[in-house]
C-alpha cells in the first residue's frame, strides 16, 4: 500500500499501477528523501520526473510545495496519477504531463518554467542508455541554487560529470544522489 507520509495529506492511501514498469518508492526511502529536503520543500516548484504513481510529487505538495509537475509517458500510470491527485484534492496545484520525459522538458524550457527541486526516478535501463540529466542541464529548467535528486539502482554508475554531488544516500538497493546544480567550470554535451 502506498500512502502519503506527512503533511496536509498525511495518511491518504494512493492507488498503485498494476504493471512491473512502475517501481513505487519504498516508504523508508521516501521518508529519507523528504527528511533530507526538509524546509526546501516549502513554496517550491517541484518536478516529479518519471512519476509512476505520483507519490513523490504528492508528498511534496503535502509538505508545502507550491506546485508539482508530474511527467509520465506510460498512460496507465498517467491515469493513476490523475486519480491520486484527485484523491488528495491537489488538482489546483498539480500539472500532469503525459509525454516522453525529454520532450516534456524541452517544452517546459520553451515555456520558461524553472524548478526549485527536480526528482528523477527513471527506469534503470533508460538511465544507462539516455541520461535524463543531460536534457535538464541543456534546457536550463533548474533554478540557480536548485537541487536535483536522482534515484538509481545502487550498482548503477550514472554520468554526473557536469553536476556537483552534494550528498548520496543508499538504502537497500536504491541510491538517492543529491545534485546541487551545474558545475560552473565547464559545460559539455558529452554526458
N, C-alpha and C. Protein backbone atom coordinates (compact mmCIF):
# COMPACT_ATOMS: atom_id res chain seq x y z
N UNK A 1 0.84 -1.18 0.00
CA UNK A 1 0.00 0.00 0.00
C UNK A 1 0.89 1.25 0.00
N UNK A 2 0.54 2.18 -0.84
CA UNK A 2 1.26 3.45 -0.92
C UNK A 2 0.44 4.49 -0.17
N UNK A 3 1.13 5.30 0.61
CA UNK A 3 0.42 6.36 1.33
C UNK A 3 1.30 7.60 1.42
N UNK A 4 0.64 8.71 1.71
CA UNK A 4 1.35 9.96 1.97
C UNK A 4 1.83 9.90 3.41
N UNK A 5 3.11 10.20 3.63
CA UNK A 5 3.72 10.03 4.94
C UNK A 5 3.44 11.18 5.90
N UNK A 6 3.49 12.41 5.40
CA UNK A 6 3.41 13.56 6.31
C UNK A 6 2.75 14.74 5.61
N UNK A 7 2.37 15.73 6.38
CA UNK A 7 1.81 16.96 5.81
C UNK A 7 0.29 16.94 5.76
N UNK A 8 -0.26 17.82 4.93
CA UNK A 8 -1.71 18.00 4.89
C UNK A 8 -2.46 16.79 4.33
N UNK A 9 -1.80 15.97 3.54
CA UNK A 9 -2.44 14.76 3.01
C UNK A 9 -2.01 13.50 3.76
N UNK A 10 -1.40 13.67 4.91
CA UNK A 10 -0.86 12.55 5.68
C UNK A 10 -1.89 11.42 5.83
N UNK A 11 -1.43 10.20 5.56
CA UNK A 11 -2.27 9.02 5.73
C UNK A 11 -3.13 8.68 4.53
N UNK A 12 -3.22 9.56 3.54
CA UNK A 12 -4.03 9.25 2.36
C UNK A 12 -3.40 8.07 1.62
N UNK A 13 -4.22 7.08 1.31
CA UNK A 13 -3.71 5.95 0.54
C UNK A 13 -3.81 6.29 -0.94
N UNK A 14 -2.81 5.84 -1.67
CA UNK A 14 -2.73 6.12 -3.10
C UNK A 14 -2.84 4.83 -3.88
N UNK A 15 -3.41 4.93 -5.05
CA UNK A 15 -3.53 3.77 -5.93
C UNK A 15 -2.18 3.45 -6.55
N UNK A 16 -1.96 2.18 -6.82
CA UNK A 16 -0.73 1.72 -7.45
C UNK A 16 -1.02 1.37 -8.91
N UNK A 17 0.02 1.34 -9.72
CA UNK A 17 -0.10 0.97 -11.12
C UNK A 17 0.13 -0.54 -11.22
N UNK A 18 -0.81 -1.23 -11.84
CA UNK A 18 -0.71 -2.69 -11.97
C UNK A 18 0.19 -3.04 -13.15
N UNK A 19 1.49 -2.75 -13.00
CA UNK A 19 2.46 -3.04 -14.05
C UNK A 19 3.84 -3.09 -13.44
N UNK A 20 4.64 -4.03 -13.93
CA UNK A 20 6.03 -4.13 -13.46
C UNK A 20 6.87 -2.95 -13.95
N UNK A 21 6.36 -2.15 -14.88
CA UNK A 21 7.10 -0.99 -15.38
C UNK A 21 7.21 0.12 -14.34
N UNK A 22 6.35 0.07 -13.33
CA UNK A 22 6.33 1.12 -12.31
C UNK A 22 6.87 0.56 -11.00
N UNK A 23 7.89 1.23 -10.46
CA UNK A 23 8.50 0.83 -9.18
C UNK A 23 8.13 1.85 -8.12
N UNK A 24 7.12 1.56 -7.31
CA UNK A 24 6.78 2.52 -6.26
C UNK A 24 7.96 2.72 -5.31
N UNK A 25 8.10 3.93 -4.85
CA UNK A 25 9.21 4.24 -3.94
C UNK A 25 8.88 3.68 -2.55
N UNK A 26 9.78 2.88 -1.98
CA UNK A 26 9.54 2.37 -0.62
C UNK A 26 9.39 3.52 0.38
N UNK A 27 8.51 3.33 1.37
CA UNK A 27 8.23 4.39 2.35
C UNK A 27 9.50 4.85 3.07
N UNK A 28 10.37 3.91 3.40
CA UNK A 28 11.60 4.27 4.11
C UNK A 28 12.48 5.20 3.26
N UNK A 29 12.58 4.90 1.97
CA UNK A 29 13.37 5.73 1.05
C UNK A 29 12.71 7.10 0.87
N UNK A 30 11.39 7.11 0.69
CA UNK A 30 10.67 8.37 0.52
C UNK A 30 10.79 9.23 1.78
N UNK A 31 10.69 8.58 2.94
CA UNK A 31 10.86 9.31 4.20
C UNK A 31 12.24 9.93 4.32
N UNK A 32 13.27 9.16 3.94
CA UNK A 32 14.65 9.69 3.97
C UNK A 32 14.80 10.87 3.03
N UNK A 33 14.25 10.76 1.82
CA UNK A 33 14.32 11.84 0.84
C UNK A 33 13.74 13.13 1.42
N UNK A 34 12.55 13.04 1.96
CA UNK A 34 11.89 14.26 2.43
C UNK A 34 12.46 14.78 3.75
N UNK A 35 13.03 13.91 4.55
CA UNK A 35 13.73 14.38 5.75
C UNK A 35 14.97 15.18 5.36
N UNK A 36 15.66 14.74 4.31
CA UNK A 36 16.84 15.47 3.84
C UNK A 36 16.44 16.80 3.21
N UNK A 37 15.38 16.79 2.40
CA UNK A 37 14.95 18.02 1.74
C UNK A 37 14.43 19.04 2.75
N UNK A 38 13.78 18.57 3.79
CA UNK A 38 13.31 19.44 4.87
C UNK A 38 12.55 20.66 4.40
N UNK A 39 13.00 21.82 4.84
CA UNK A 39 12.31 23.08 4.57
C UNK A 39 12.44 23.56 3.13
N UNK A 40 13.33 22.93 2.35
CA UNK A 40 13.45 23.32 0.93
C UNK A 40 12.15 23.11 0.18
N UNK A 41 11.31 22.21 0.68
CA UNK A 41 10.05 21.89 0.01
C UNK A 41 9.09 23.07 0.04
N UNK A 42 9.08 23.80 1.14
CA UNK A 42 8.11 24.88 1.33
C UNK A 42 8.12 25.87 0.16
N UNK A 43 6.96 26.08 -0.43
CA UNK A 43 6.72 27.04 -1.51
C UNK A 43 7.53 26.77 -2.77
N UNK A 44 8.06 25.55 -2.92
CA UNK A 44 8.88 25.24 -4.09
C UNK A 44 8.04 24.87 -5.30
N UNK A 45 8.65 25.01 -6.46
CA UNK A 45 8.10 24.44 -7.69
C UNK A 45 8.84 23.12 -7.87
N UNK A 46 8.12 22.01 -7.82
CA UNK A 46 8.68 20.66 -7.73
C UNK A 46 8.37 19.88 -9.00
N UNK A 47 9.40 19.27 -9.58
CA UNK A 47 9.21 18.40 -10.75
C UNK A 47 9.38 16.95 -10.33
N UNK A 48 8.35 16.14 -10.57
CA UNK A 48 8.40 14.70 -10.33
C UNK A 48 8.53 14.02 -11.68
N UNK A 49 9.78 13.73 -12.07
CA UNK A 49 10.04 13.14 -13.38
C UNK A 49 9.94 11.63 -13.31
N UNK A 50 9.34 11.02 -14.32
CA UNK A 50 9.08 9.57 -14.35
C UNK A 50 8.22 9.23 -13.14
N UNK A 51 7.09 9.88 -13.04
CA UNK A 51 6.27 9.95 -11.82
C UNK A 51 5.69 8.64 -11.32
N UNK A 52 5.41 7.70 -12.20
CA UNK A 52 4.82 6.43 -11.75
C UNK A 52 3.45 6.62 -11.15
N UNK A 53 3.35 6.54 -9.83
CA UNK A 53 2.06 6.73 -9.14
C UNK A 53 1.83 8.18 -8.74
N UNK A 54 2.88 8.99 -8.81
CA UNK A 54 2.78 10.39 -8.38
C UNK A 54 3.00 10.58 -6.89
N UNK A 55 3.41 9.52 -6.20
CA UNK A 55 3.51 9.61 -4.74
C UNK A 55 4.57 10.61 -4.27
N UNK A 56 5.66 10.77 -5.02
CA UNK A 56 6.71 11.70 -4.58
C UNK A 56 6.23 13.15 -4.75
N UNK A 57 5.65 13.46 -5.89
CA UNK A 57 5.12 14.81 -6.09
C UNK A 57 4.00 15.15 -5.12
N UNK A 58 3.16 14.17 -4.82
CA UNK A 58 2.08 14.39 -3.86
C UNK A 58 2.63 14.58 -2.44
N UNK A 59 3.70 13.86 -2.12
CA UNK A 59 4.35 14.06 -0.81
C UNK A 59 4.89 15.48 -0.73
N UNK A 60 5.47 15.97 -1.84
CA UNK A 60 6.00 17.34 -1.87
C UNK A 60 4.88 18.35 -1.66
N UNK A 61 3.75 18.16 -2.35
CA UNK A 61 2.61 19.07 -2.16
C UNK A 61 2.08 19.00 -0.73
N UNK A 62 2.02 17.79 -0.20
CA UNK A 62 1.53 17.60 1.17
C UNK A 62 2.41 18.35 2.18
N UNK A 63 3.70 18.44 1.88
CA UNK A 63 4.64 19.08 2.80
C UNK A 63 4.88 20.56 2.49
N UNK A 64 4.10 21.13 1.58
CA UNK A 64 4.15 22.57 1.40
C UNK A 64 4.68 23.09 0.08
N UNK A 65 4.96 22.22 -0.89
CA UNK A 65 5.36 22.72 -2.22
C UNK A 65 4.21 23.54 -2.80
N UNK A 66 4.55 24.60 -3.51
CA UNK A 66 3.52 25.46 -4.09
C UNK A 66 2.83 24.77 -5.26
N UNK A 67 3.61 24.02 -6.03
CA UNK A 67 3.08 23.37 -7.24
C UNK A 67 3.97 22.18 -7.57
N UNK A 68 3.37 21.16 -8.16
CA UNK A 68 4.14 20.00 -8.61
C UNK A 68 3.77 19.69 -10.05
N UNK A 69 4.80 19.42 -10.84
CA UNK A 69 4.62 18.99 -12.22
C UNK A 69 5.01 17.52 -12.28
N UNK A 70 4.11 16.70 -12.80
CA UNK A 70 4.32 15.27 -12.93
C UNK A 70 4.52 14.94 -14.40
N UNK A 71 5.65 14.30 -14.74
CA UNK A 71 5.90 13.88 -16.11
C UNK A 71 5.91 12.36 -16.14
N UNK A 72 5.06 11.79 -16.99
CA UNK A 72 4.97 10.34 -17.12
C UNK A 72 4.56 9.99 -18.54
N UNK A 73 5.27 9.04 -19.14
CA UNK A 73 4.99 8.62 -20.51
C UNK A 73 4.00 7.45 -20.57
N UNK A 74 4.01 6.58 -19.59
CA UNK A 74 3.22 5.34 -19.57
C UNK A 74 1.76 5.68 -19.21
N UNK A 75 0.84 5.53 -20.18
CA UNK A 75 -0.52 6.00 -19.99
C UNK A 75 -1.25 5.39 -18.78
N UNK A 76 -1.14 4.08 -18.51
CA UNK A 76 -1.80 3.55 -17.31
C UNK A 76 -1.33 4.26 -16.03
N UNK A 77 -0.07 4.66 -15.99
CA UNK A 77 0.43 5.41 -14.82
C UNK A 77 -0.16 6.82 -14.79
N UNK A 78 -0.30 7.45 -15.94
CA UNK A 78 -0.89 8.80 -16.00
C UNK A 78 -2.31 8.78 -15.41
N UNK A 79 -3.07 7.75 -15.74
CA UNK A 79 -4.44 7.63 -15.19
C UNK A 79 -4.40 7.50 -13.67
N UNK A 80 -3.45 6.74 -13.16
CA UNK A 80 -3.32 6.57 -11.70
C UNK A 80 -2.88 7.88 -11.05
N UNK A 81 -1.95 8.60 -11.67
CA UNK A 81 -1.52 9.90 -11.13
C UNK A 81 -2.72 10.83 -11.02
N UNK A 82 -3.52 10.89 -12.08
CA UNK A 82 -4.71 11.76 -12.05
C UNK A 82 -5.63 11.38 -10.90
N UNK A 83 -5.85 10.07 -10.73
CA UNK A 83 -6.72 9.59 -9.65
C UNK A 83 -6.14 9.94 -8.28
N UNK A 84 -4.83 9.76 -8.13
CA UNK A 84 -4.18 10.05 -6.84
C UNK A 84 -4.18 11.54 -6.52
N UNK A 85 -3.97 12.36 -7.52
CA UNK A 85 -4.02 13.82 -7.32
C UNK A 85 -5.43 14.21 -6.87
N UNK A 86 -6.44 13.68 -7.54
CA UNK A 86 -7.82 13.98 -7.15
C UNK A 86 -8.15 13.46 -5.77
N UNK A 87 -7.65 12.27 -5.44
CA UNK A 87 -7.89 11.66 -4.12
C UNK A 87 -7.37 12.57 -3.01
N UNK A 88 -6.28 13.28 -3.29
CA UNK A 88 -5.71 14.19 -2.30
C UNK A 88 -6.30 15.60 -2.38
N UNK A 89 -7.10 15.85 -3.40
CA UNK A 89 -7.66 17.19 -3.57
C UNK A 89 -6.62 18.21 -4.00
N UNK A 90 -5.62 17.76 -4.76
CA UNK A 90 -4.50 18.63 -5.14
C UNK A 90 -4.57 19.07 -6.61
N UNK A 91 -5.74 18.99 -7.21
CA UNK A 91 -5.88 19.29 -8.64
C UNK A 91 -5.40 20.69 -9.01
N UNK A 92 -5.62 21.67 -8.14
CA UNK A 92 -5.23 23.06 -8.44
C UNK A 92 -3.73 23.30 -8.35
N UNK A 93 -3.01 22.39 -7.69
CA UNK A 93 -1.56 22.57 -7.52
C UNK A 93 -0.75 21.63 -8.41
N UNK A 94 -1.42 20.79 -9.17
CA UNK A 94 -0.72 19.76 -9.95
C UNK A 94 -0.88 19.99 -11.45
N UNK A 95 0.21 19.75 -12.16
CA UNK A 95 0.20 19.73 -13.62
C UNK A 95 0.71 18.35 -14.02
N UNK A 96 -0.09 17.62 -14.78
CA UNK A 96 0.27 16.26 -15.19
C UNK A 96 0.54 16.28 -16.69
N UNK A 97 1.76 15.90 -17.05
CA UNK A 97 2.16 15.90 -18.46
C UNK A 97 2.35 14.46 -18.91
N UNK A 98 1.53 14.05 -19.88
CA UNK A 98 1.64 12.70 -20.46
C UNK A 98 2.49 12.82 -21.73
N UNK A 99 3.80 12.60 -21.52
CA UNK A 99 4.74 12.78 -22.63
C UNK A 99 6.07 12.14 -22.29
N UNK A 100 6.85 11.83 -23.30
CA UNK A 100 8.20 11.33 -23.09
C UNK A 100 8.99 12.42 -22.35
N UNK A 101 9.84 12.03 -21.39
CA UNK A 101 10.48 12.98 -20.49
C UNK A 101 11.25 14.07 -21.21
N UNK A 102 12.14 13.71 -22.13
CA UNK A 102 12.95 14.73 -22.81
C UNK A 102 12.09 15.75 -23.54
N UNK A 103 11.07 15.27 -24.24
CA UNK A 103 10.18 16.19 -24.98
C UNK A 103 9.42 17.10 -24.02
N UNK A 104 9.01 16.56 -22.88
CA UNK A 104 8.30 17.37 -21.89
C UNK A 104 9.22 18.46 -21.34
N UNK A 105 10.48 18.12 -21.05
CA UNK A 105 11.42 19.11 -20.52
C UNK A 105 11.72 20.18 -21.57
N UNK A 106 11.85 19.78 -22.82
CA UNK A 106 12.07 20.76 -23.90
C UNK A 106 10.91 21.75 -23.95
N UNK A 107 9.67 21.24 -23.85
CA UNK A 107 8.51 22.13 -23.88
C UNK A 107 8.47 23.03 -22.65
N UNK A 108 8.77 22.48 -21.48
CA UNK A 108 8.80 23.30 -20.26
C UNK A 108 9.84 24.42 -20.39
N UNK A 109 10.98 24.10 -21.00
CA UNK A 109 12.01 25.10 -21.21
C UNK A 109 11.52 26.21 -22.14
N UNK A 110 10.84 25.81 -23.22
CA UNK A 110 10.28 26.81 -24.15
C UNK A 110 9.26 27.70 -23.44
N UNK A 111 8.55 27.11 -22.47
CA UNK A 111 7.56 27.87 -21.71
C UNK A 111 8.19 28.64 -20.55
N UNK A 112 9.53 28.57 -20.44
CA UNK A 112 10.31 29.27 -19.42
C UNK A 112 9.97 28.85 -17.99
N UNK A 113 9.69 27.56 -17.83
CA UNK A 113 9.41 27.02 -16.50
C UNK A 113 10.74 26.55 -15.90
N UNK A 114 11.03 26.99 -14.68
CA UNK A 114 12.23 26.54 -13.97
C UNK A 114 11.83 26.06 -12.58
N UNK A 115 12.51 25.04 -12.10
CA UNK A 115 12.13 24.36 -10.87
C UNK A 115 13.13 24.61 -9.75
N UNK A 116 12.60 24.62 -8.54
CA UNK A 116 13.44 24.68 -7.34
C UNK A 116 14.01 23.29 -7.04
N UNK A 117 13.16 22.27 -7.22
CA UNK A 117 13.52 20.89 -6.91
C UNK A 117 13.08 19.98 -8.05
N UNK A 118 13.99 19.12 -8.47
CA UNK A 118 13.68 18.14 -9.51
C UNK A 118 14.00 16.76 -8.97
N UNK A 119 12.99 15.89 -8.97
CA UNK A 119 13.20 14.50 -8.57
C UNK A 119 13.07 13.63 -9.80
N UNK A 120 14.10 12.80 -10.05
CA UNK A 120 14.10 11.91 -11.22
C UNK A 120 14.22 10.47 -10.78
N UNK A 121 13.30 9.65 -11.28
CA UNK A 121 13.29 8.23 -10.97
C UNK A 121 13.12 7.46 -12.27
N UNK A 122 14.12 7.58 -13.17
CA UNK A 122 13.97 6.95 -14.49
C UNK A 122 14.11 5.44 -14.41
N UNK A 123 13.54 4.74 -15.40
CA UNK A 123 13.81 3.30 -15.47
C UNK A 123 15.33 3.09 -15.50
N UNK A 124 15.80 2.09 -14.77
CA UNK A 124 17.25 1.90 -14.65
C UNK A 124 17.92 1.76 -16.00
N UNK A 125 17.30 1.06 -16.93
CA UNK A 125 17.89 0.87 -18.25
C UNK A 125 18.00 2.20 -19.00
N UNK A 126 16.98 3.04 -18.86
CA UNK A 126 17.00 4.34 -19.53
C UNK A 126 18.13 5.21 -18.99
N UNK A 127 18.40 5.11 -17.71
CA UNK A 127 19.48 5.89 -17.11
C UNK A 127 20.82 5.54 -17.73
N UNK A 128 20.99 4.26 -18.08
CA UNK A 128 22.24 3.84 -18.71
C UNK A 128 22.28 4.21 -20.19
N UNK A 129 21.14 4.15 -20.86
CA UNK A 129 21.09 4.40 -22.31
C UNK A 129 21.05 5.89 -22.66
N UNK A 130 20.15 6.61 -21.99
CA UNK A 130 19.97 8.05 -22.25
C UNK A 130 19.88 8.73 -20.90
N UNK A 131 20.82 9.54 -20.58
CA UNK A 131 20.85 10.18 -19.28
C UNK A 131 19.89 11.38 -19.27
N UNK A 132 18.79 11.30 -18.49
CA UNK A 132 17.84 12.42 -18.47
C UNK A 132 18.43 13.69 -17.85
N UNK A 133 19.53 13.56 -17.12
CA UNK A 133 20.17 14.75 -16.56
C UNK A 133 20.68 15.67 -17.67
N UNK A 134 21.03 15.08 -18.79
CA UNK A 134 21.57 15.87 -19.90
C UNK A 134 20.56 16.90 -20.39
N UNK A 135 19.32 16.46 -20.60
CA UNK A 135 18.31 17.39 -21.10
C UNK A 135 17.95 18.43 -20.03
N UNK A 136 17.97 18.05 -18.76
CA UNK A 136 17.72 19.01 -17.68
C UNK A 136 18.79 20.10 -17.71
N UNK A 137 20.05 19.69 -17.86
CA UNK A 137 21.15 20.66 -17.90
C UNK A 137 21.06 21.54 -19.15
N UNK A 138 20.91 20.90 -20.31
CA UNK A 138 20.91 21.65 -21.57
C UNK A 138 19.77 22.64 -21.66
N UNK A 139 18.62 22.28 -21.10
CA UNK A 139 17.44 23.13 -21.23
C UNK A 139 17.27 24.12 -20.10
N UNK A 140 18.13 24.05 -19.08
CA UNK A 140 18.14 25.06 -18.02
C UNK A 140 16.84 25.15 -17.23
N UNK A 141 16.25 24.02 -16.88
CA UNK A 141 14.98 24.03 -16.15
C UNK A 141 15.16 23.98 -14.63
N UNK A 142 16.41 24.04 -14.16
CA UNK A 142 16.69 24.10 -12.72
C UNK A 142 17.10 25.52 -12.36
N UNK A 143 16.43 26.09 -11.35
CA UNK A 143 16.76 27.45 -10.90
C UNK A 143 18.17 27.47 -10.31
N UNK A 144 18.86 28.61 -10.38
CA UNK A 144 20.12 28.73 -9.67
C UNK A 144 19.88 28.45 -8.19
N UNK A 145 20.73 27.64 -7.60
CA UNK A 145 20.53 27.25 -6.21
C UNK A 145 19.56 26.11 -6.02
N UNK A 146 19.00 25.60 -7.14
CA UNK A 146 18.06 24.49 -7.08
C UNK A 146 18.77 23.17 -6.82
N UNK A 147 17.98 22.12 -6.69
CA UNK A 147 18.51 20.81 -6.35
C UNK A 147 17.84 19.74 -7.19
N UNK A 148 18.65 18.82 -7.69
CA UNK A 148 18.15 17.63 -8.40
C UNK A 148 18.41 16.44 -7.50
N UNK A 149 17.42 15.54 -7.41
CA UNK A 149 17.61 14.28 -6.70
C UNK A 149 17.36 13.17 -7.70
N UNK A 150 18.34 12.29 -7.84
CA UNK A 150 18.26 11.17 -8.77
C UNK A 150 18.20 9.87 -7.98
N UNK A 151 17.16 9.07 -8.24
CA UNK A 151 17.08 7.73 -7.65
C UNK A 151 17.60 6.74 -8.69
N UNK A 152 18.51 5.85 -8.23
CA UNK A 152 19.00 4.82 -9.13
C UNK A 152 19.38 3.56 -8.36
N UNK A 153 19.51 2.47 -9.09
CA UNK A 153 19.94 1.20 -8.52
C UNK A 153 21.37 1.39 -8.03
N UNK A 154 21.65 0.92 -6.83
CA UNK A 154 22.93 1.22 -6.19
C UNK A 154 24.15 0.74 -6.98
N UNK A 155 24.01 -0.25 -7.85
CA UNK A 155 25.14 -0.72 -8.65
C UNK A 155 25.33 0.07 -9.94
N UNK A 156 24.35 0.88 -10.29
CA UNK A 156 24.44 1.71 -11.49
C UNK A 156 25.35 2.90 -11.22
N UNK A 157 26.14 3.28 -12.19
CA UNK A 157 27.02 4.44 -12.07
C UNK A 157 26.59 5.49 -13.09
N UNK A 158 25.63 6.34 -12.74
CA UNK A 158 25.17 7.35 -13.70
C UNK A 158 26.25 8.38 -14.00
N UNK A 159 26.15 8.97 -15.17
CA UNK A 159 27.10 10.00 -15.58
C UNK A 159 26.66 11.34 -14.98
N UNK A 160 27.47 11.83 -14.07
CA UNK A 160 27.14 13.06 -13.34
C UNK A 160 28.18 14.14 -13.56
N UNK A 161 28.93 14.06 -14.65
CA UNK A 161 30.12 14.89 -14.87
C UNK A 161 29.90 16.39 -14.69
N UNK A 162 28.78 16.91 -15.09
CA UNK A 162 28.57 18.36 -15.04
C UNK A 162 27.78 18.82 -13.83
N UNK A 163 27.65 17.97 -12.83
CA UNK A 163 26.87 18.31 -11.65
C UNK A 163 27.71 18.19 -10.39
N UNK A 164 27.41 19.02 -9.42
CA UNK A 164 28.04 18.96 -8.11
C UNK A 164 27.25 17.99 -7.24
N UNK A 165 27.85 16.89 -6.85
CA UNK A 165 27.18 15.94 -5.97
C UNK A 165 27.32 16.46 -4.54
N UNK A 166 26.19 16.78 -3.92
CA UNK A 166 26.25 17.30 -2.56
C UNK A 166 26.04 16.20 -1.52
N UNK A 167 25.40 15.11 -1.94
CA UNK A 167 25.14 14.02 -0.99
C UNK A 167 24.65 12.80 -1.75
N UNK A 168 24.92 11.63 -1.20
CA UNK A 168 24.38 10.38 -1.74
C UNK A 168 23.99 9.50 -0.57
N UNK A 169 22.80 8.90 -0.65
CA UNK A 169 22.29 8.04 0.41
C UNK A 169 21.84 6.73 -0.23
N UNK A 170 22.31 5.61 0.32
CA UNK A 170 21.89 4.31 -0.18
C UNK A 170 21.09 3.61 0.91
N UNK A 171 19.90 3.17 0.52
CA UNK A 171 19.01 2.41 1.40
C UNK A 171 18.55 1.20 0.61
N UNK A 172 18.92 0.02 1.09
CA UNK A 172 18.58 -1.20 0.34
C UNK A 172 19.26 -1.19 -1.01
N UNK A 173 18.49 -1.41 -2.07
CA UNK A 173 19.02 -1.44 -3.43
C UNK A 173 18.99 -0.07 -4.12
N UNK A 174 18.54 0.94 -3.42
CA UNK A 174 18.36 2.26 -4.03
C UNK A 174 19.37 3.26 -3.51
N UNK A 175 19.81 4.12 -4.41
CA UNK A 175 20.65 5.25 -4.03
C UNK A 175 19.95 6.54 -4.45
N UNK A 176 19.96 7.52 -3.57
CA UNK A 176 19.50 8.87 -3.89
C UNK A 176 20.73 9.75 -3.97
N UNK A 177 20.93 10.37 -5.13
CA UNK A 177 22.05 11.29 -5.32
C UNK A 177 21.49 12.71 -5.38
N UNK A 178 22.02 13.58 -4.54
CA UNK A 178 21.58 14.97 -4.47
C UNK A 178 22.59 15.82 -5.24
N UNK A 179 22.11 16.47 -6.28
CA UNK A 179 22.96 17.26 -7.17
C UNK A 179 22.64 18.73 -6.99
N UNK A 180 23.63 19.48 -6.58
CA UNK A 180 23.43 20.88 -6.23
C UNK A 180 23.33 21.80 -7.44
N UNK A 181 23.52 21.30 -8.61
CA UNK A 181 23.39 22.11 -9.81
C UNK A 181 24.55 21.90 -10.75
N UNK A 182 24.59 22.70 -11.79
CA UNK A 182 25.59 22.57 -12.83
C UNK A 182 26.91 23.15 -12.37
N UNK A 183 28.00 22.44 -12.62
CA UNK A 183 29.33 22.97 -12.29
C UNK A 183 29.61 24.16 -13.18
N UNK A 184 30.10 25.24 -12.62
CA UNK A 184 30.36 26.43 -13.44
C UNK A 184 31.63 26.35 -14.27
N UNK A 185 32.50 25.38 -14.03
CA UNK A 185 33.80 25.35 -14.69
C UNK A 185 33.74 25.00 -16.17
N UNK A 186 32.90 24.06 -16.54
CA UNK A 186 32.81 23.69 -17.95
C UNK A 186 31.46 23.04 -18.24
N UNK A 187 31.00 23.26 -19.44
CA UNK A 187 29.78 22.61 -19.89
C UNK A 187 30.09 21.87 -21.18
N UNK A 188 29.76 20.61 -21.20
CA UNK A 188 29.94 19.84 -22.43
C UNK A 188 28.67 19.10 -22.72
N UNK A 189 28.53 18.67 -23.93
CA UNK A 189 27.39 17.86 -24.31
C UNK A 189 27.73 16.38 -24.27
N UNK A 190 28.84 16.05 -23.63
CA UNK A 190 29.30 14.66 -23.66
C UNK A 190 28.90 13.85 -22.44
N UNK A 191 27.79 14.19 -21.82
CA UNK A 191 27.34 13.43 -20.65
C UNK A 191 27.19 12.00 -20.97
